[in-house]
mmCIF file of all heavy atoms, coordinates in Angstrom:
data_MODEL
# 
_entry.id   MODEL 
# 
loop_
_atom_site.group_PDB 
_atom_site.id 
_atom_site.type_symbol 
_atom_site.label_atom_id 
_atom_site.label_alt_id 
_atom_site.label_comp_id 
_atom_site.label_asym_id 
_atom_site.label_entity_id 
_atom_site.label_seq_id 
_atom_site.pdbx_PDB_ins_code 
_atom_site.Cartn_x 
_atom_site.Cartn_y 
_atom_site.Cartn_z 
_atom_site.occupancy 
_atom_site.B_iso_or_equiv 
_atom_site.pdbx_formal_charge 
_atom_site.auth_seq_id 
_atom_site.auth_comp_id 
_atom_site.auth_asym_id 
_atom_site.auth_atom_id 
_atom_site.pdbx_PDB_model_num 
ATOM 1   N N   . ASP A 1 1  ? 122.163 127.379 87.092 1.00 0.00 ? 1  ASP A N   1 
ATOM 2   C CA  . ASP A 1 1  ? 123.492 127.865 86.757 1.00 0.00 ? 1  ASP A CA  1 
ATOM 3   C C   . ASP A 1 1  ? 124.189 128.483 87.964 1.00 0.00 ? 1  ASP A C   1 
ATOM 4   O O   . ASP A 1 1  ? 125.403 128.327 88.141 1.00 0.00 ? 1  ASP A O   1 
ATOM 5   C CB  . ASP A 1 1  ? 123.369 128.913 85.630 1.00 0.00 ? 1  ASP A CB  1 
ATOM 6   C CG  . ASP A 1 1  ? 124.732 129.398 85.153 1.00 0.00 ? 1  ASP A CG  1 
ATOM 7   O OD1 . ASP A 1 1  ? 125.403 128.637 84.453 1.00 0.00 ? 1  ASP A OD1 1 
ATOM 8   O OD2 . ASP A 1 1  ? 125.096 130.527 85.503 1.00 0.00 ? 1  ASP A OD2 1 
ATOM 9   N N   . ARG A 1 2  ? 123.419 129.174 88.813 1.00 0.00 ? 2  ARG A N   1 
ATOM 10  C CA  . ARG A 1 2  ? 124.011 129.851 89.960 1.00 0.00 ? 2  ARG A CA  1 
ATOM 11  C C   . ARG A 1 2  ? 123.818 129.076 91.262 1.00 0.00 ? 2  ARG A C   1 
ATOM 12  O O   . ARG A 1 2  ? 124.134 129.565 92.327 1.00 0.00 ? 2  ARG A O   1 
ATOM 13  C CB  . ARG A 1 2  ? 123.418 131.239 90.121 1.00 0.00 ? 2  ARG A CB  1 
ATOM 14  C CG  . ARG A 1 2  ? 123.730 132.139 88.946 1.00 0.00 ? 2  ARG A CG  1 
ATOM 15  C CD  . ARG A 1 2  ? 123.300 133.571 89.195 1.00 0.00 ? 2  ARG A CD  1 
ATOM 16  N NE  . ARG A 1 2  ? 123.565 134.409 88.027 1.00 0.00 ? 2  ARG A NE  1 
ATOM 17  C CZ  . ARG A 1 2  ? 123.194 135.665 87.917 1.00 0.00 ? 2  ARG A CZ  1 
ATOM 18  N NH1 . ARG A 1 2  ? 122.543 136.265 88.885 1.00 0.00 ? 2  ARG A NH1 1 
ATOM 19  N NH2 . ARG A 1 2  ? 123.461 136.358 86.810 1.00 0.00 ? 2  ARG A NH2 1 
ATOM 20  N N   . ASN A 1 3  ? 123.299 127.847 91.150 1.00 0.00 ? 3  ASN A N   1 
ATOM 21  C CA  . ASN A 1 3  ? 123.055 127.013 92.298 1.00 0.00 ? 3  ASN A CA  1 
ATOM 22  C C   . ASN A 1 3  ? 122.200 127.746 93.326 1.00 0.00 ? 3  ASN A C   1 
ATOM 23  O O   . ASN A 1 3  ? 122.439 127.704 94.553 1.00 0.00 ? 3  ASN A O   1 
ATOM 24  C CB  . ASN A 1 3  ? 124.370 126.572 92.940 1.00 0.00 ? 3  ASN A CB  1 
ATOM 25  C CG  . ASN A 1 3  ? 124.216 125.393 93.874 1.00 0.00 ? 3  ASN A CG  1 
ATOM 26  O OD1 . ASN A 1 3  ? 123.248 124.621 93.758 1.00 0.00 ? 3  ASN A OD1 1 
ATOM 27  N ND2 . ASN A 1 3  ? 125.126 125.235 94.801 1.00 0.00 ? 3  ASN A ND2 1 
ATOM 28  N N   . ASN A 1 4  ? 121.189 128.442 92.819 1.00 0.00 ? 4  ASN A N   1 
ATOM 29  C CA  . ASN A 1 4  ? 120.288 129.262 93.646 1.00 0.00 ? 4  ASN A CA  1 
ATOM 30  C C   . ASN A 1 4  ? 118.912 128.583 93.707 1.00 0.00 ? 4  ASN A C   1 
ATOM 31  O O   . ASN A 1 4  ? 118.123 128.658 92.777 1.00 0.00 ? 4  ASN A O   1 
ATOM 32  C CB  . ASN A 1 4  ? 120.162 130.678 93.077 1.00 0.00 ? 4  ASN A CB  1 
ATOM 33  C CG  . ASN A 1 4  ? 119.410 131.623 93.977 1.00 0.00 ? 4  ASN A CG  1 
ATOM 34  O OD1 . ASN A 1 4  ? 118.450 131.227 94.637 1.00 0.00 ? 4  ASN A OD1 1 
ATOM 35  N ND2 . ASN A 1 4  ? 119.820 132.876 93.993 1.00 0.00 ? 4  ASN A ND2 1 
ATOM 36  N N   . MET A 1 5  ? 118.663 127.876 94.831 1.00 0.00 ? 5  MET A N   1 
ATOM 37  C CA  . MET A 1 5  ? 117.427 127.113 94.976 1.00 0.00 ? 5  MET A CA  1 
ATOM 38  C C   . MET A 1 5  ? 116.200 128.006 94.953 1.00 0.00 ? 5  MET A C   1 
ATOM 39  O O   . MET A 1 5  ? 115.126 127.601 94.479 1.00 0.00 ? 5  MET A O   1 
ATOM 40  C CB  . MET A 1 5  ? 117.471 126.308 96.254 1.00 0.00 ? 5  MET A CB  1 
ATOM 41  C CG  . MET A 1 5  ? 116.361 125.245 96.355 1.00 0.00 ? 5  MET A CG  1 
ATOM 42  S SD  . MET A 1 5  ? 116.394 124.056 94.992 1.00 0.00 ? 5  MET A SD  1 
ATOM 43  C CE  . MET A 1 5  ? 117.979 123.266 95.295 1.00 0.00 ? 5  MET A CE  1 
ATOM 44  N N   . SER A 1 6  ? 116.331 129.250 95.435 1.00 0.00 ? 6  SER A N   1 
ATOM 45  C CA  . SER A 1 6  ? 115.186 130.140 95.478 1.00 0.00 ? 6  SER A CA  1 
ATOM 46  C C   . SER A 1 6  ? 114.672 130.463 94.070 1.00 0.00 ? 6  SER A C   1 
ATOM 47  O O   . SER A 1 6  ? 113.476 130.463 93.832 1.00 0.00 ? 6  SER A O   1 
ATOM 48  C CB  . SER A 1 6  ? 115.557 131.438 96.197 1.00 0.00 ? 6  SER A CB  1 
ATOM 49  O OG  . SER A 1 6  ? 115.912 131.210 97.545 1.00 0.00 ? 6  SER A OG  1 
ATOM 50  N N   . LEU A 1 7  ? 115.588 130.714 93.124 1.00 0.00 ? 7  LEU A N   1 
ATOM 51  C CA  . LEU A 1 7  ? 115.194 130.998 91.764 1.00 0.00 ? 7  LEU A CA  1 
ATOM 52  C C   . LEU A 1 7  ? 114.507 129.786 91.134 1.00 0.00 ? 7  LEU A C   1 
ATOM 53  O O   . LEU A 1 7  ? 113.515 129.904 90.402 1.00 0.00 ? 7  LEU A O   1 
ATOM 54  C CB  . LEU A 1 7  ? 116.417 131.398 90.934 1.00 0.00 ? 7  LEU A CB  1 
ATOM 55  C CG  . LEU A 1 7  ? 117.014 132.774 91.199 1.00 0.00 ? 7  LEU A CG  1 
ATOM 56  C CD1 . LEU A 1 7  ? 118.316 132.944 90.453 1.00 0.00 ? 7  LEU A CD1 1 
ATOM 57  C CD2 . LEU A 1 7  ? 116.040 133.880 90.883 1.00 0.00 ? 7  LEU A CD2 1 
ATOM 58  N N   . ILE A 1 8  ? 115.042 128.591 91.418 1.00 0.00 ? 8  ILE A N   1 
ATOM 59  C CA  . ILE A 1 8  ? 114.438 127.376 90.867 1.00 0.00 ? 8  ILE A CA  1 
ATOM 60  C C   . ILE A 1 8  ? 113.017 127.192 91.405 1.00 0.00 ? 8  ILE A C   1 
ATOM 61  O O   . ILE A 1 8  ? 112.092 126.881 90.648 1.00 0.00 ? 8  ILE A O   1 
ATOM 62  C CB  . ILE A 1 8  ? 115.309 126.139 91.210 1.00 0.00 ? 8  ILE A CB  1 
ATOM 63  C CG1 . ILE A 1 8  ? 116.694 126.262 90.575 1.00 0.00 ? 8  ILE A CG1 1 
ATOM 64  C CG2 . ILE A 1 8  ? 114.628 124.862 90.743 1.00 0.00 ? 8  ILE A CG2 1 
ATOM 65  C CD1 . ILE A 1 8  ? 117.661 125.173 90.984 1.00 0.00 ? 8  ILE A CD1 1 
ATOM 66  N N   . ILE A 1 9  ? 112.850 127.403 92.703 1.00 0.00 ? 9  ILE A N   1 
ATOM 67  C CA  . ILE A 1 9  ? 111.536 127.237 93.311 1.00 0.00 ? 9  ILE A CA  1 
ATOM 68  C C   . ILE A 1 9  ? 110.528 128.257 92.744 1.00 0.00 ? 9  ILE A C   1 
ATOM 69  O O   . ILE A 1 9  ? 109.387 127.932 92.413 1.00 0.00 ? 9  ILE A O   1 
ATOM 70  C CB  . ILE A 1 9  ? 111.633 127.388 94.838 1.00 0.00 ? 9  ILE A CB  1 
ATOM 71  C CG1 . ILE A 1 9  ? 112.398 126.199 95.423 1.00 0.00 ? 9  ILE A CG1 1 
ATOM 72  C CG2 . ILE A 1 9  ? 110.244 127.480 95.485 1.00 0.00 ? 9  ILE A CG2 1 
ATOM 73  C CD1 . ILE A 1 9  ? 112.718 126.330 96.908 1.00 0.00 ? 9  ILE A CD1 1 
ATOM 74  N N   . ILE A 1 10 ? 110.970 129.530 92.610 1.00 0.00 ? 10 ILE A N   1 
ATOM 75  C CA  . ILE A 1 10 ? 110.097 130.563 92.077 1.00 0.00 ? 10 ILE A CA  1 
ATOM 76  C C   . ILE A 1 10 ? 109.621 130.215 90.662 1.00 0.00 ? 10 ILE A C   1 
ATOM 77  O O   . ILE A 1 10 ? 108.444 130.316 90.339 1.00 0.00 ? 10 ILE A O   1 
ATOM 78  C CB  . ILE A 1 10 ? 110.803 131.927 92.123 1.00 0.00 ? 10 ILE A CB  1 
ATOM 79  C CG1 . ILE A 1 10 ? 110.956 132.414 93.544 1.00 0.00 ? 10 ILE A CG1 1 
ATOM 80  C CG2 . ILE A 1 10 ? 110.029 132.968 91.283 1.00 0.00 ? 10 ILE A CG2 1 
ATOM 81  C CD1 . ILE A 1 10 ? 111.835 133.647 93.697 1.00 0.00 ? 10 ILE A CD1 1 
ATOM 82  N N   . GLY A 1 11 ? 110.584 129.819 89.806 1.00 0.00 ? 11 GLY A N   1 
ATOM 83  C CA  . GLY A 1 11 ? 110.216 129.465 88.443 1.00 0.00 ? 11 GLY A CA  1 
ATOM 84  C C   . GLY A 1 11 ? 109.325 128.269 88.359 1.00 0.00 ? 11 GLY A C   1 
ATOM 85  O O   . GLY A 1 11 ? 108.327 128.241 87.614 1.00 0.00 ? 11 GLY A O   1 
ATOM 86  N N   . THR A 1 12 ? 109.618 127.219 89.158 1.00 0.00 ? 12 THR A N   1 
ATOM 87  C CA  . THR A 1 12 ? 108.844 125.977 89.137 1.00 0.00 ? 12 THR A CA  1 
ATOM 88  C C   . THR A 1 12 ? 107.453 126.174 89.692 1.00 0.00 ? 12 THR A C   1 
ATOM 89  O O   . THR A 1 12 ? 106.438 125.738 89.085 1.00 0.00 ? 12 THR A O   1 
ATOM 90  C CB  . THR A 1 12 ? 109.562 124.893 89.956 1.00 0.00 ? 12 THR A CB  1 
ATOM 91  O OG1 . THR A 1 12 ? 110.893 124.714 89.454 1.00 0.00 ? 12 THR A OG1 1 
ATOM 92  C CG2 . THR A 1 12 ? 108.822 123.568 89.899 1.00 0.00 ? 12 THR A CG2 1 
ATOM 93  N N   . VAL A 1 13 ? 107.348 126.842 90.853 1.00 0.00 ? 13 VAL A N   1 
ATOM 94  C CA  . VAL A 1 13 ? 106.031 127.061 91.451 1.00 0.00 ? 13 VAL A CA  1 
ATOM 95  C C   . VAL A 1 13 ? 105.161 127.954 90.570 1.00 0.00 ? 13 VAL A C   1 
ATOM 96  O O   . VAL A 1 13 ? 103.952 127.717 90.414 1.00 0.00 ? 13 VAL A O   1 
ATOM 97  C CB  . VAL A 1 13 ? 106.193 127.668 92.864 1.00 0.00 ? 13 VAL A CB  1 
ATOM 98  C CG1 . VAL A 1 13 ? 104.851 128.117 93.433 1.00 0.00 ? 13 VAL A CG1 1 
ATOM 99  C CG2 . VAL A 1 13 ? 106.846 126.667 93.801 1.00 0.00 ? 13 VAL A CG2 1 
ATOM 100 N N   . SER A 1 14 ? 105.768 128.986 89.984 1.00 0.00 ? 14 SER A N   1 
ATOM 101 C CA  . SER A 1 14 ? 104.994 129.877 89.101 1.00 0.00 ? 14 SER A CA  1 
ATOM 102 C C   . SER A 1 14 ? 104.442 129.117 87.915 1.00 0.00 ? 14 SER A C   1 
ATOM 103 O O   . SER A 1 14 ? 103.274 129.316 87.529 1.00 0.00 ? 14 SER A O   1 
ATOM 104 C CB  . SER A 1 14 ? 105.898 131.027 88.630 1.00 0.00 ? 14 SER A CB  1 
ATOM 105 O OG  . SER A 1 14 ? 106.353 131.791 89.712 1.00 0.00 ? 14 SER A OG  1 
ATOM 106 N N   . ALA A 1 15 ? 105.260 128.258 87.313 1.00 0.00 ? 15 ALA A N   1 
ATOM 107 C CA  . ALA A 1 15 ? 104.779 127.449 86.168 1.00 0.00 ? 15 ALA A CA  1 
ATOM 108 C C   . ALA A 1 15 ? 103.654 126.506 86.587 1.00 0.00 ? 15 ALA A C   1 
ATOM 109 O O   . ALA A 1 15 ? 102.667 126.345 85.868 1.00 0.00 ? 15 ALA A O   1 
ATOM 110 C CB  . ALA A 1 15 ? 105.943 126.689 85.552 1.00 0.00 ? 15 ALA A CB  1 
ATOM 111 N N   . ALA A 1 16 ? 103.817 125.895 87.747 1.00 0.00 ? 16 ALA A N   1 
ATOM 112 C CA  . ALA A 1 16 ? 102.785 124.971 88.228 1.00 0.00 ? 16 ALA A CA  1 
ATOM 113 C C   . ALA A 1 16 ? 101.467 125.690 88.526 1.00 0.00 ? 16 ALA A C   1 
ATOM 114 O O   . ALA A 1 16 ? 100.379 125.213 88.132 1.00 0.00 ? 16 ALA A O   1 
ATOM 115 C CB  . ALA A 1 16 ? 103.264 124.274 89.508 1.00 0.00 ? 16 ALA A CB  1 
ATOM 116 N N   . LEU A 1 17 ? 101.580 126.874 89.156 1.00 0.00 ? 17 LEU A N   1 
ATOM 117 C CA  . LEU A 1 17 ? 100.350 127.655 89.453 1.00 0.00 ? 17 LEU A CA  1 
ATOM 118 C C   . LEU A 1 17 ? 99.677  128.123 88.166 1.00 0.00 ? 17 LEU A C   1 
ATOM 119 O O   . LEU A 1 17 ? 98.443  128.107 88.044 1.00 0.00 ? 17 LEU A O   1 
ATOM 120 C CB  . LEU A 1 17 ? 100.716 128.870 90.315 1.00 0.00 ? 17 LEU A CB  1 
ATOM 121 C CG  . LEU A 1 17 ? 101.079 128.555 91.772 1.00 0.00 ? 17 LEU A CG  1 
ATOM 122 C CD1 . LEU A 1 17 ? 101.502 129.833 92.482 1.00 0.00 ? 17 LEU A CD1 1 
ATOM 123 C CD2 . LEU A 1 17 ? 99.873  127.940 92.492 1.00 0.00 ? 17 LEU A CD2 1 
ATOM 124 N N   . LEU A 1 18 ? 100.480 128.510 87.184 1.00 0.00 ? 18 LEU A N   1 
ATOM 125 C CA  . LEU A 1 18 ? 99.928  128.942 85.891 1.00 0.00 ? 18 LEU A CA  1 
ATOM 126 C C   . LEU A 1 18 ? 99.171  127.798 85.242 1.00 0.00 ? 18 LEU A C   1 
ATOM 127 O O   . LEU A 1 18 ? 98.080  127.987 84.683 1.00 0.00 ? 18 LEU A O   1 
ATOM 128 C CB  . LEU A 1 18 ? 101.053 129.449 84.986 1.00 0.00 ? 18 LEU A CB  1 
ATOM 129 C CG  . LEU A 1 18 ? 100.622 130.020 83.622 1.00 0.00 ? 18 LEU A CG  1 
ATOM 130 C CD1 . LEU A 1 18 ? 99.718  131.215 83.799 1.00 0.00 ? 18 LEU A CD1 1 
ATOM 131 C CD2 . LEU A 1 18 ? 101.864 130.392 82.803 1.00 0.00 ? 18 LEU A CD2 1 
ATOM 132 N N   . ALA A 1 19 ? 99.735  126.599 85.287 1.00 0.00 ? 19 ALA A N   1 
ATOM 133 C CA  . ALA A 1 19 ? 99.075  125.436 84.713 1.00 0.00 ? 19 ALA A CA  1 
ATOM 134 C C   . ALA A 1 19 ? 97.763  125.124 85.419 1.00 0.00 ? 19 ALA A C   1 
ATOM 135 O O   . ALA A 1 19 ? 96.744  124.813 84.793 1.00 0.00 ? 19 ALA A O   1 
ATOM 136 C CB  . ALA A 1 19 ? 100.012 124.208 84.778 1.00 0.00 ? 19 ALA A CB  1 
ATOM 137 N N   . ILE A 1 20 ? 97.761  125.224 86.756 1.00 0.00 ? 20 ILE A N   1 
ATOM 138 C CA  . ILE A 1 20 ? 96.549  124.943 87.523 1.00 0.00 ? 20 ILE A CA  1 
ATOM 139 C C   . ILE A 1 20 ? 95.470  125.964 87.220 1.00 0.00 ? 20 ILE A C   1 
ATOM 140 O O   . ILE A 1 20 ? 94.283  125.621 87.018 1.00 0.00 ? 20 ILE A O   1 
ATOM 141 C CB  . ILE A 1 20 ? 96.860  124.957 89.036 1.00 0.00 ? 20 ILE A CB  1 
ATOM 142 C CG1 . ILE A 1 20 ? 97.761  123.755 89.397 1.00 0.00 ? 20 ILE A CG1 1 
ATOM 143 C CG2 . ILE A 1 20 ? 95.587  124.921 89.868 1.00 0.00 ? 20 ILE A CG2 1 
ATOM 144 C CD1 . ILE A 1 20 ? 98.333  123.808 90.804 1.00 0.00 ? 20 ILE A CD1 1 
ATOM 145 N N   . ILE A 1 21 ? 95.828  127.229 87.146 1.00 0.00 ? 21 ILE A N   1 
ATOM 146 C CA  . ILE A 1 21 ? 94.848  128.309 86.887 1.00 0.00 ? 21 ILE A CA  1 
ATOM 147 C C   . ILE A 1 21 ? 94.230  128.150 85.503 1.00 0.00 ? 21 ILE A C   1 
ATOM 148 O O   . ILE A 1 21 ? 92.997  128.217 85.344 1.00 0.00 ? 21 ILE A O   1 
ATOM 149 C CB  . ILE A 1 21 ? 95.502  129.692 87.051 1.00 0.00 ? 21 ILE A CB  1 
ATOM 150 C CG1 . ILE A 1 21 ? 95.880  129.938 88.506 1.00 0.00 ? 21 ILE A CG1 1 
ATOM 151 C CG2 . ILE A 1 21 ? 94.579  130.786 86.522 1.00 0.00 ? 21 ILE A CG2 1 
ATOM 152 C CD1 . ILE A 1 21 ? 96.734  131.166 88.726 1.00 0.00 ? 21 ILE A CD1 1 
ATOM 153 N N   . LEU A 1 22 ? 95.071  127.939 84.484 1.00 0.00 ? 22 LEU A N   1 
ATOM 154 C CA  . LEU A 1 22 ? 94.543  127.788 83.138 1.00 0.00 ? 22 LEU A CA  1 
ATOM 155 C C   . LEU A 1 22 ? 93.720  126.520 82.991 1.00 0.00 ? 22 LEU A C   1 
ATOM 156 O O   . LEU A 1 22 ? 92.671  126.506 82.312 1.00 0.00 ? 22 LEU A O   1 
ATOM 157 C CB  . LEU A 1 22 ? 95.682  127.771 82.125 1.00 0.00 ? 22 LEU A CB  1 
ATOM 158 C CG  . LEU A 1 22 ? 96.327  129.122 81.804 1.00 0.00 ? 22 LEU A CG  1 
ATOM 159 C CD1 . LEU A 1 22 ? 97.372  128.967 80.729 1.00 0.00 ? 22 LEU A CD1 1 
ATOM 160 C CD2 . LEU A 1 22 ? 95.287  130.150 81.365 1.00 0.00 ? 22 LEU A CD2 1 
ATOM 161 N N   . SER A 1 23 ? 94.143  125.453 83.643 1.00 0.00 ? 23 SER A N   1 
ATOM 162 C CA  . SER A 1 23 ? 93.382  124.199 83.592 1.00 0.00 ? 23 SER A CA  1 
ATOM 163 C C   . SER A 1 23 ? 92.008  124.369 84.221 1.00 0.00 ? 23 SER A C   1 
ATOM 164 O O   . SER A 1 23 ? 90.970  123.911 83.714 1.00 0.00 ? 23 SER A O   1 
ATOM 165 C CB  . SER A 1 23 ? 94.159  123.077 84.295 1.00 0.00 ? 23 SER A CB  1 
ATOM 166 O OG  . SER A 1 23 ? 93.428  121.880 84.284 1.00 0.00 ? 23 SER A OG  1 
ATOM 167 N N   . SER A 1 24 ? 91.962  125.107 85.361 1.00 0.00 ? 24 SER A N   1 
ATOM 168 C CA  . SER A 1 24 ? 90.679  125.362 86.034 1.00 0.00 ? 24 SER A CA  1 
ATOM 169 C C   . SER A 1 24 ? 89.782  126.268 85.164 1.00 0.00 ? 24 SER A C   1 
ATOM 170 O O   . SER A 1 24 ? 88.570  126.074 85.109 1.00 0.00 ? 24 SER A O   1 
ATOM 171 C CB  . SER A 1 24 ? 90.940  126.038 87.391 1.00 0.00 ? 24 SER A CB  1 
ATOM 172 O OG  . SER A 1 24 ? 91.732  125.224 88.216 1.00 0.00 ? 24 SER A OG  1 
# 
């Protein structure tokens, strides 16, 4: 919404890391 790439990266990377940790 705010065209803020940093927020998108933080949300995406956090979700990916959470998926990796729980999967492990």
